[in-house]
């Protein structure tokens, strides 16, 4: 499969492809096929923006826990984080908020990065979201991952 065919495959995915009540829905399998094929093309990380657009467009579909999109992007440390920030600001999804949470729970030595990710999550929560579960998950993730001293001093609200 070529890079262009993989991108076309991502763009063709529909919410109905992930309907578990439809025995003909092949979304999870197709997503795995596309991410596997992506790993065999040169510069697969160029697809990161398109992968986040899938998460945004299908934000109410079950794309995995965390699934092939997240697992694939996390192989490219340093290549997806900027687009993650852009995606969360544009249209947070359960998977993008989960990715922020996974970064916050990792061994971060850079307090500036941690602060930036916490601030990003809090800022986005002030805007309405069509899926209240996303906002609830982001709020609990932010507070759970923040250093207790920062919550106690009021730098981050619980």
N, C-alpha and C. Protein backbone atom coordinates (compact mmCIF):
# COMPACT_ATOMS: atom_id res chain seq x y z
N UNK A 1 0.85 -1.17 0.00
CA UNK A 1 0.00 0.00 0.00
C UNK A 1 0.91 1.24 0.00
N UNK A 2 0.56 2.23 -0.80
CA UNK A 2 1.35 3.46 -0.86
C UNK A 2 0.90 4.42 0.25
N UNK A 3 1.72 5.43 0.49
CA UNK A 3 1.38 6.45 1.48
C UNK A 3 0.04 7.10 1.13
N UNK A 4 -0.15 7.42 -0.13
CA UNK A 4 -1.39 8.07 -0.57
C UNK A 4 -2.61 7.17 -0.34
N UNK A 5 -2.45 5.87 -0.58
CA UNK A 5 -3.55 4.93 -0.33
C UNK A 5 -3.88 4.82 1.16
N UNK A 6 -2.84 4.88 1.99
CA UNK A 6 -3.05 4.82 3.43
C UNK A 6 -3.82 6.05 3.90
N UNK A 7 -3.41 7.22 3.43
CA UNK A 7 -4.10 8.46 3.80
C UNK A 7 -5.55 8.42 3.31
N UNK A 8 -5.76 7.95 2.10
CA UNK A 8 -7.13 7.82 1.57
C UNK A 8 -7.94 6.86 2.44
N UNK A 9 -7.30 5.80 2.92
CA UNK A 9 -7.97 4.86 3.82
C UNK A 9 -8.39 5.50 5.13
N UNK A 10 -7.49 6.30 5.71
CA UNK A 10 -7.84 7.03 6.94
C UNK A 10 -9.03 7.96 6.69
N UNK A 11 -9.00 8.66 5.58
CA UNK A 11 -10.06 9.62 5.27
C UNK A 11 -11.39 8.94 4.98
N UNK A 12 -11.36 7.70 4.53
CA UNK A 12 -12.58 6.98 4.19
C UNK A 12 -13.28 6.38 5.41
N UNK A 13 -12.59 6.29 6.53
CA UNK A 13 -13.20 5.69 7.72
C UNK A 13 -14.40 6.52 8.18
N UNK A 14 -15.46 5.82 8.55
CA UNK A 14 -16.71 6.44 9.01
C UNK A 14 -17.07 5.87 10.38
N UNK A 15 -17.88 6.61 11.12
CA UNK A 15 -18.33 6.15 12.43
C UNK A 15 -19.02 4.79 12.32
N UNK A 16 -19.76 4.58 11.25
CA UNK A 16 -20.47 3.30 11.07
C UNK A 16 -19.51 2.12 10.94
N UNK A 17 -18.25 2.38 10.57
CA UNK A 17 -17.26 1.31 10.48
C UNK A 17 -16.90 0.76 11.86
N UNK A 18 -17.25 1.51 12.92
CA UNK A 18 -16.90 1.11 14.28
C UNK A 18 -18.14 0.79 15.11
N UNK A 19 -19.25 0.51 14.42
CA UNK A 19 -20.50 0.18 15.08
C UNK A 19 -20.48 -1.31 15.42
N UNK A 20 -20.33 -1.62 16.71
CA UNK A 20 -20.21 -3.02 17.12
C UNK A 20 -21.51 -3.80 16.99
N UNK A 21 -22.62 -3.11 16.74
CA UNK A 21 -23.88 -3.81 16.50
C UNK A 21 -24.01 -4.25 15.05
N UNK A 22 -23.13 -3.76 14.19
CA UNK A 22 -23.14 -4.12 12.78
C UNK A 22 -22.06 -5.17 12.54
N UNK A 23 -22.48 -6.39 12.22
CA UNK A 23 -21.50 -7.47 12.05
C UNK A 23 -20.60 -7.26 10.83
N UNK A 24 -20.98 -6.37 9.93
CA UNK A 24 -20.16 -6.10 8.75
C UNK A 24 -19.18 -4.94 8.95
N UNK A 25 -19.25 -4.29 10.09
CA UNK A 25 -18.35 -3.17 10.36
C UNK A 25 -16.94 -3.70 10.58
N UNK A 26 -15.99 -3.15 9.84
CA UNK A 26 -14.59 -3.61 9.92
C UNK A 26 -13.63 -2.49 10.31
N UNK A 27 -14.14 -1.46 10.98
CA UNK A 27 -13.32 -0.31 11.34
C UNK A 27 -12.06 -0.66 12.12
N UNK A 28 -12.18 -1.42 13.22
CA UNK A 28 -10.98 -1.75 13.99
C UNK A 28 -9.94 -2.52 13.17
N UNK A 29 -10.41 -3.46 12.36
CA UNK A 29 -9.48 -4.21 11.52
C UNK A 29 -8.83 -3.32 10.47
N UNK A 30 -9.65 -2.46 9.87
CA UNK A 30 -9.14 -1.56 8.83
C UNK A 30 -8.12 -0.57 9.42
N UNK A 31 -8.40 -0.06 10.59
CA UNK A 31 -7.47 0.84 11.25
C UNK A 31 -6.14 0.15 11.53
N UNK A 32 -6.19 -1.09 11.98
CA UNK A 32 -4.96 -1.86 12.22
C UNK A 32 -4.21 -2.10 10.91
N UNK A 33 -4.94 -2.42 9.83
CA UNK A 33 -4.30 -2.62 8.52
C UNK A 33 -3.59 -1.35 8.06
N UNK A 34 -4.25 -0.21 8.23
CA UNK A 34 -3.69 1.06 7.77
C UNK A 34 -2.45 1.44 8.58
N UNK A 35 -2.51 1.28 9.90
CA UNK A 35 -1.34 1.63 10.71
C UNK A 35 -0.19 0.66 10.48
N UNK A 36 -0.49 -0.61 10.26
CA UNK A 36 0.57 -1.58 9.92
C UNK A 36 1.22 -1.22 8.59
N UNK A 37 0.41 -0.88 7.61
CA UNK A 37 0.93 -0.51 6.29
C UNK A 37 1.76 0.77 6.39
N UNK A 38 1.33 1.68 7.24
CA UNK A 38 2.06 2.93 7.41
C UNK A 38 3.49 2.69 7.87
N UNK A 39 3.69 1.69 8.69
CA UNK A 39 5.02 1.40 9.21
C UNK A 39 5.98 0.90 8.13
N UNK A 40 5.46 0.56 6.97
CA UNK A 40 6.33 0.04 5.90
C UNK A 40 6.66 1.09 4.84
N UNK A 41 6.17 2.32 5.01
CA UNK A 41 6.47 3.37 4.02
C UNK A 41 7.54 4.30 4.58
N UNK A 42 8.27 4.96 3.69
CA UNK A 42 9.27 5.93 4.17
C UNK A 42 8.58 7.10 4.89
N UNK A 43 9.20 7.57 5.93
CA UNK A 43 8.71 8.70 6.71
C UNK A 43 7.24 8.57 7.14
N UNK A 44 6.91 7.49 7.82
CA UNK A 44 5.51 7.28 8.21
C UNK A 44 4.97 8.36 9.14
N UNK A 45 5.86 9.02 9.88
CA UNK A 45 5.40 10.05 10.82
C UNK A 45 4.77 11.25 10.13
N UNK A 46 4.92 11.36 8.82
CA UNK A 46 4.24 12.44 8.08
C UNK A 46 2.72 12.30 8.18
N UNK A 47 2.25 11.12 8.53
CA UNK A 47 0.80 10.87 8.62
C UNK A 47 0.20 11.30 9.96
N UNK A 48 1.02 11.77 10.89
CA UNK A 48 0.51 12.14 12.21
C UNK A 48 -0.67 13.11 12.13
N UNK A 49 -0.60 14.20 11.38
CA UNK A 49 -1.78 15.10 11.33
C UNK A 49 -3.05 14.39 10.87
N UNK A 50 -2.93 13.53 9.89
CA UNK A 50 -4.11 12.80 9.40
C UNK A 50 -4.64 11.84 10.45
N UNK A 51 -3.75 11.25 11.23
CA UNK A 51 -4.18 10.33 12.29
C UNK A 51 -4.95 11.08 13.37
N UNK A 52 -4.50 12.28 13.71
CA UNK A 52 -5.26 13.08 14.67
C UNK A 52 -6.59 13.53 14.09
N UNK A 53 -6.64 13.80 12.79
CA UNK A 53 -7.92 14.18 12.18
C UNK A 53 -8.92 13.01 12.26
N UNK A 54 -8.43 11.78 12.16
CA UNK A 54 -9.32 10.61 12.33
C UNK A 54 -9.88 10.63 13.75
N UNK A 55 -9.03 10.85 14.74
CA UNK A 55 -9.50 10.90 16.14
C UNK A 55 -10.54 11.99 16.34
N UNK A 56 -10.32 13.15 15.73
CA UNK A 56 -11.25 14.26 15.87
C UNK A 56 -12.57 13.98 15.17
N UNK A 57 -12.48 13.50 13.95
CA UNK A 57 -13.68 13.27 13.14
C UNK A 57 -14.53 12.15 13.72
N UNK A 58 -13.88 11.13 14.28
CA UNK A 58 -14.58 9.97 14.82
C UNK A 58 -14.48 9.95 16.35
N UNK A 59 -14.55 11.12 16.97
CA UNK A 59 -14.30 11.24 18.41
C UNK A 59 -15.27 10.44 19.26
N UNK A 60 -16.44 10.10 18.75
CA UNK A 60 -17.40 9.32 19.53
C UNK A 60 -17.35 7.82 19.22
N UNK A 61 -16.49 7.43 18.28
CA UNK A 61 -16.34 6.02 17.93
C UNK A 61 -15.27 5.38 18.81
N UNK A 62 -15.38 4.10 19.03
CA UNK A 62 -14.38 3.36 19.81
C UNK A 62 -13.25 2.97 18.86
N UNK A 63 -12.16 3.75 18.89
CA UNK A 63 -11.02 3.51 18.01
C UNK A 63 -9.94 2.66 18.67
N UNK A 64 -10.24 2.13 19.85
CA UNK A 64 -9.29 1.28 20.54
C UNK A 64 -8.98 1.80 21.94
N UNK A 65 -8.31 0.97 22.71
CA UNK A 65 -7.99 1.30 24.10
C UNK A 65 -6.53 1.01 24.41
N UNK A 66 -5.57 1.77 24.03
CA UNK A 66 -5.67 2.98 23.26
C UNK A 66 -5.75 2.74 21.77
N UNK A 67 -5.43 1.58 21.30
CA UNK A 67 -5.65 1.26 19.89
C UNK A 67 -4.47 1.55 18.99
N UNK A 68 -4.60 1.17 17.72
CA UNK A 68 -3.49 1.27 16.78
C UNK A 68 -3.02 2.69 16.47
N UNK A 69 -3.92 3.66 16.49
CA UNK A 69 -3.48 5.03 16.22
C UNK A 69 -2.51 5.50 17.30
N UNK A 70 -2.88 5.33 18.54
CA UNK A 70 -2.04 5.77 19.66
C UNK A 70 -0.74 4.96 19.69
N UNK A 71 -0.85 3.65 19.61
CA UNK A 71 0.36 2.82 19.66
C UNK A 71 1.33 3.17 18.54
N UNK A 72 0.80 3.45 17.36
CA UNK A 72 1.68 3.79 16.23
C UNK A 72 2.36 5.13 16.47
N UNK A 73 1.60 6.13 16.85
CA UNK A 73 2.20 7.46 17.06
C UNK A 73 3.20 7.47 18.20
N UNK A 74 2.93 6.70 19.25
CA UNK A 74 3.85 6.70 20.38
C UNK A 74 5.20 6.08 20.04
N UNK A 75 5.31 5.43 18.92
CA UNK A 75 6.61 4.93 18.46
C UNK A 75 7.50 6.07 17.99
N UNK A 76 6.88 7.20 17.69
CA UNK A 76 7.60 8.34 17.10
C UNK A 76 7.76 9.47 18.11
N UNK A 77 8.31 9.16 19.26
CA UNK A 77 8.50 10.18 20.30
C UNK A 77 9.19 11.40 19.70
N UNK A 78 8.62 12.56 19.97
CA UNK A 78 9.15 13.81 19.45
C UNK A 78 8.54 14.22 18.11
N UNK A 79 7.82 13.30 17.47
CA UNK A 79 7.26 13.61 16.15
C UNK A 79 5.75 13.86 16.19
N UNK A 80 5.10 13.57 17.30
CA UNK A 80 3.64 13.73 17.34
C UNK A 80 3.16 14.74 18.38
N UNK A 81 3.99 15.12 19.33
CA UNK A 81 3.54 15.93 20.46
C UNK A 81 3.00 17.30 20.03
N UNK A 82 3.66 17.96 19.10
CA UNK A 82 3.17 19.27 18.65
C UNK A 82 1.77 19.14 18.03
N UNK A 83 1.58 18.11 17.22
CA UNK A 83 0.27 17.91 16.60
C UNK A 83 -0.76 17.49 17.64
N UNK A 84 -0.35 16.80 18.70
CA UNK A 84 -1.26 16.46 19.80
C UNK A 84 -1.80 17.74 20.44
N UNK A 85 -0.92 18.70 20.71
CA UNK A 85 -1.34 19.97 21.28
C UNK A 85 -2.34 20.65 20.35
N UNK A 86 -2.02 20.70 19.07
CA UNK A 86 -2.90 21.32 18.08
C UNK A 86 -4.26 20.62 18.06
N UNK A 87 -4.26 19.31 18.08
CA UNK A 87 -5.50 18.54 18.03
C UNK A 87 -6.36 18.77 19.27
N UNK A 88 -5.74 18.78 20.45
CA UNK A 88 -6.52 18.99 21.68
C UNK A 88 -7.12 20.38 21.68
N UNK A 89 -6.37 21.36 21.19
CA UNK A 89 -6.91 22.72 21.12
C UNK A 89 -8.05 22.82 20.11
N UNK A 90 -7.92 22.08 19.01
CA UNK A 90 -8.90 22.17 17.93
C UNK A 90 -10.17 21.40 18.27
N UNK A 91 -10.00 20.15 18.69
CA UNK A 91 -11.16 19.29 18.93
C UNK A 91 -10.73 18.08 19.76
N UNK A 92 -10.75 18.19 21.09
CA UNK A 92 -10.27 17.08 21.91
C UNK A 92 -11.15 15.84 21.75
N UNK A 93 -10.52 14.72 21.77
CA UNK A 93 -11.22 13.43 21.73
C UNK A 93 -10.75 12.62 22.92
N UNK A 94 -11.43 11.52 23.20
CA UNK A 94 -10.99 10.66 24.30
C UNK A 94 -9.55 10.21 24.08
N UNK A 95 -9.22 9.84 22.84
CA UNK A 95 -7.87 9.35 22.59
C UNK A 95 -6.82 10.44 22.74
N UNK A 96 -7.10 11.65 22.28
CA UNK A 96 -6.09 12.71 22.41
C UNK A 96 -5.91 13.11 23.87
N UNK A 97 -7.00 13.17 24.63
CA UNK A 97 -6.89 13.46 26.07
C UNK A 97 -6.14 12.33 26.76
N UNK A 98 -6.39 11.10 26.35
CA UNK A 98 -5.69 9.94 26.91
C UNK A 98 -4.19 10.06 26.62
N UNK A 99 -3.85 10.51 25.42
CA UNK A 99 -2.44 10.66 25.07
C UNK A 99 -1.77 11.72 25.95
N UNK A 100 -2.48 12.82 26.20
CA UNK A 100 -1.94 13.84 27.11
C UNK A 100 -1.71 13.21 28.48
N UNK A 101 -2.68 12.45 28.96
CA UNK A 101 -2.57 11.79 30.25
C UNK A 101 -1.37 10.84 30.28
N UNK A 102 -1.15 10.10 29.21
CA UNK A 102 -0.02 9.16 29.15
C UNK A 102 1.30 9.92 29.20
N UNK A 103 1.36 11.08 28.57
CA UNK A 103 2.58 11.89 28.62
C UNK A 103 2.79 12.40 30.04
N UNK A 104 1.72 12.88 30.66
CA UNK A 104 1.83 13.40 32.03
C UNK A 104 2.25 12.31 33.02
N UNK A 105 1.87 11.08 32.76
CA UNK A 105 2.22 9.98 33.65
C UNK A 105 3.60 9.39 33.35
N UNK A 106 4.24 9.85 32.30
CA UNK A 106 5.57 9.34 31.97
C UNK A 106 6.62 10.02 32.85
N UNK A 107 7.83 9.53 32.78
CA UNK A 107 8.93 10.11 33.55
C UNK A 107 9.39 11.39 32.88
N UNK A 108 8.77 12.49 33.26
CA UNK A 108 9.14 13.78 32.71
C UNK A 108 10.13 14.45 33.66
N UNK A 109 11.22 14.89 33.11
CA UNK A 109 12.16 15.67 33.90
C UNK A 109 12.02 17.15 33.59
N UNK A 110 11.35 17.47 32.52
CA UNK A 110 11.21 18.84 32.09
C UNK A 110 9.90 19.42 32.65
N UNK A 111 10.01 20.19 33.76
CA UNK A 111 8.82 20.77 34.39
C UNK A 111 8.08 21.72 33.47
N UNK A 112 8.79 22.36 32.57
CA UNK A 112 8.14 23.28 31.64
C UNK A 112 7.18 22.51 30.74
N UNK A 113 7.61 21.36 30.26
CA UNK A 113 6.76 20.55 29.39
C UNK A 113 5.52 20.09 30.15
N UNK A 114 5.73 19.61 31.38
CA UNK A 114 4.61 19.15 32.21
C UNK A 114 3.63 20.31 32.43
N UNK A 115 4.15 21.47 32.77
CA UNK A 115 3.29 22.64 33.02
C UNK A 115 2.51 23.01 31.77
N UNK A 116 3.18 22.94 30.62
CA UNK A 116 2.52 23.28 29.37
C UNK A 116 1.37 22.32 29.09
N UNK A 117 1.60 21.04 29.29
CA UNK A 117 0.55 20.06 29.02
C UNK A 117 -0.62 20.24 30.00
N UNK A 118 -0.33 20.55 31.26
CA UNK A 118 -1.40 20.77 32.23
C UNK A 118 -2.19 22.02 31.87
N UNK A 119 -1.49 23.08 31.51
CA UNK A 119 -2.15 24.32 31.13
C UNK A 119 -3.03 24.11 29.90
N UNK A 120 -2.50 23.38 28.92
CA UNK A 120 -3.25 23.09 27.70
C UNK A 120 -4.55 22.37 28.04
N UNK A 121 -4.48 21.36 28.89
CA UNK A 121 -5.66 20.59 29.24
C UNK A 121 -6.68 21.47 29.96
N UNK A 122 -6.23 22.27 30.93
CA UNK A 122 -7.14 23.15 31.65
C UNK A 122 -7.78 24.17 30.73
N UNK A 123 -6.99 24.78 29.83
CA UNK A 123 -7.52 25.81 28.93
C UNK A 123 -8.62 25.22 28.07
N UNK A 124 -8.44 24.06 27.54
CA UNK A 124 -9.42 23.46 26.65
C UNK A 124 -10.70 23.12 27.40
N UNK A 125 -10.59 22.80 28.69
CA UNK A 125 -11.76 22.41 29.46
C UNK A 125 -12.73 23.56 29.68
N UNK A 126 -12.27 24.80 29.54
CA UNK A 126 -13.16 25.93 29.75
C UNK A 126 -14.11 26.12 28.57
N UNK A 127 -13.86 25.43 27.47
CA UNK A 127 -14.71 25.53 26.30
C UNK A 127 -15.67 24.35 26.28
N UNK A 128 -16.91 24.55 25.83
CA UNK A 128 -17.87 23.44 25.81
C UNK A 128 -17.42 22.33 24.87
N UNK A 129 -17.73 21.12 25.24
CA UNK A 129 -17.40 19.96 24.40
C UNK A 129 -18.65 19.13 24.23
N UNK A 130 -18.91 18.64 23.01
CA UNK A 130 -20.14 17.88 22.79
C UNK A 130 -20.20 16.56 23.56
N UNK A 131 -19.06 16.06 23.99
CA UNK A 131 -19.03 14.82 24.75
C UNK A 131 -18.55 15.14 26.17
N UNK A 132 -19.47 15.23 27.15
CA UNK A 132 -19.06 15.62 28.51
C UNK A 132 -18.09 14.63 29.13
N UNK A 133 -18.08 13.38 28.67
CA UNK A 133 -17.16 12.39 29.22
C UNK A 133 -15.71 12.78 28.91
N UNK A 134 -15.47 13.40 27.75
CA UNK A 134 -14.12 13.85 27.39
C UNK A 134 -13.67 14.90 28.39
N UNK A 135 -14.51 15.88 28.67
CA UNK A 135 -14.17 16.93 29.63
C UNK A 135 -13.94 16.34 31.02
N UNK A 136 -14.79 15.42 31.43
CA UNK A 136 -14.65 14.80 32.74
C UNK A 136 -13.34 14.03 32.82
N UNK A 137 -12.99 13.28 31.79
CA UNK A 137 -11.76 12.50 31.77
C UNK A 137 -10.55 13.43 31.81
N UNK A 138 -10.60 14.52 31.06
CA UNK A 138 -9.49 15.46 31.03
C UNK A 138 -9.30 16.11 32.39
N UNK A 139 -10.40 16.48 33.05
CA UNK A 139 -10.31 17.11 34.37
C UNK A 139 -9.69 16.15 35.37
N UNK A 140 -10.15 14.92 35.42
CA UNK A 140 -9.61 13.97 36.39
C UNK A 140 -8.17 13.62 36.06
N UNK A 141 -7.82 13.54 34.77
CA UNK A 141 -6.45 13.25 34.39
C UNK A 141 -5.51 14.37 34.80
N UNK A 142 -5.94 15.61 34.60
CA UNK A 142 -5.11 16.75 34.94
C UNK A 142 -4.83 16.79 36.43
N UNK A 143 -5.86 16.62 37.24
CA UNK A 143 -5.68 16.70 38.68
C UNK A 143 -4.89 15.51 39.20
N UNK A 144 -5.11 14.33 38.65
CA UNK A 144 -4.42 13.14 39.10
C UNK A 144 -2.94 13.21 38.77
N UNK A 145 -2.59 13.86 37.65
CA UNK A 145 -1.20 13.89 37.21
C UNK A 145 -0.42 15.07 37.75
N UNK A 146 -1.10 16.07 38.25
CA UNK A 146 -0.41 17.26 38.74
C UNK A 146 0.32 16.94 40.03
N UNK A 147 1.43 17.59 40.24
CA UNK A 147 2.15 17.44 41.50
C UNK A 147 1.26 17.98 42.61
N UNK A 148 1.13 17.25 43.73
CA UNK A 148 0.23 17.69 44.80
C UNK A 148 0.50 19.12 45.26
N UNK A 149 1.75 19.53 45.32
CA UNK A 149 2.06 20.88 45.79
C UNK A 149 1.48 21.93 44.86
N UNK A 150 1.40 21.68 43.57
CA UNK A 150 0.86 22.64 42.63
C UNK A 150 -0.66 22.74 42.78
N UNK A 151 -1.32 21.65 43.14
CA UNK A 151 -2.76 21.71 43.37
C UNK A 151 -3.02 22.45 44.67
N UNK A 152 -2.24 22.16 45.73
CA UNK A 152 -2.45 22.79 47.03
C UNK A 152 -2.21 24.28 47.00
N UNK A 153 -1.26 24.74 46.20
CA UNK A 153 -0.97 26.17 46.14
C UNK A 153 -1.95 26.92 45.25
N UNK A 154 -2.83 26.21 44.57
CA UNK A 154 -3.82 26.85 43.73
C UNK A 154 -3.34 27.11 42.33
N UNK A 155 -2.10 26.71 42.00
CA UNK A 155 -1.59 26.89 40.65
C UNK A 155 -2.43 26.10 39.66
N UNK A 156 -2.91 24.95 40.12
CA UNK A 156 -3.81 24.11 39.33
C UNK A 156 -5.01 23.81 40.20
N UNK A 157 -6.20 24.07 39.69
CA UNK A 157 -7.39 23.81 40.50
C UNK A 157 -7.80 22.36 40.39
N UNK A 158 -8.24 21.77 41.50
CA UNK A 158 -8.68 20.36 41.47
C UNK A 158 -9.99 20.19 40.75
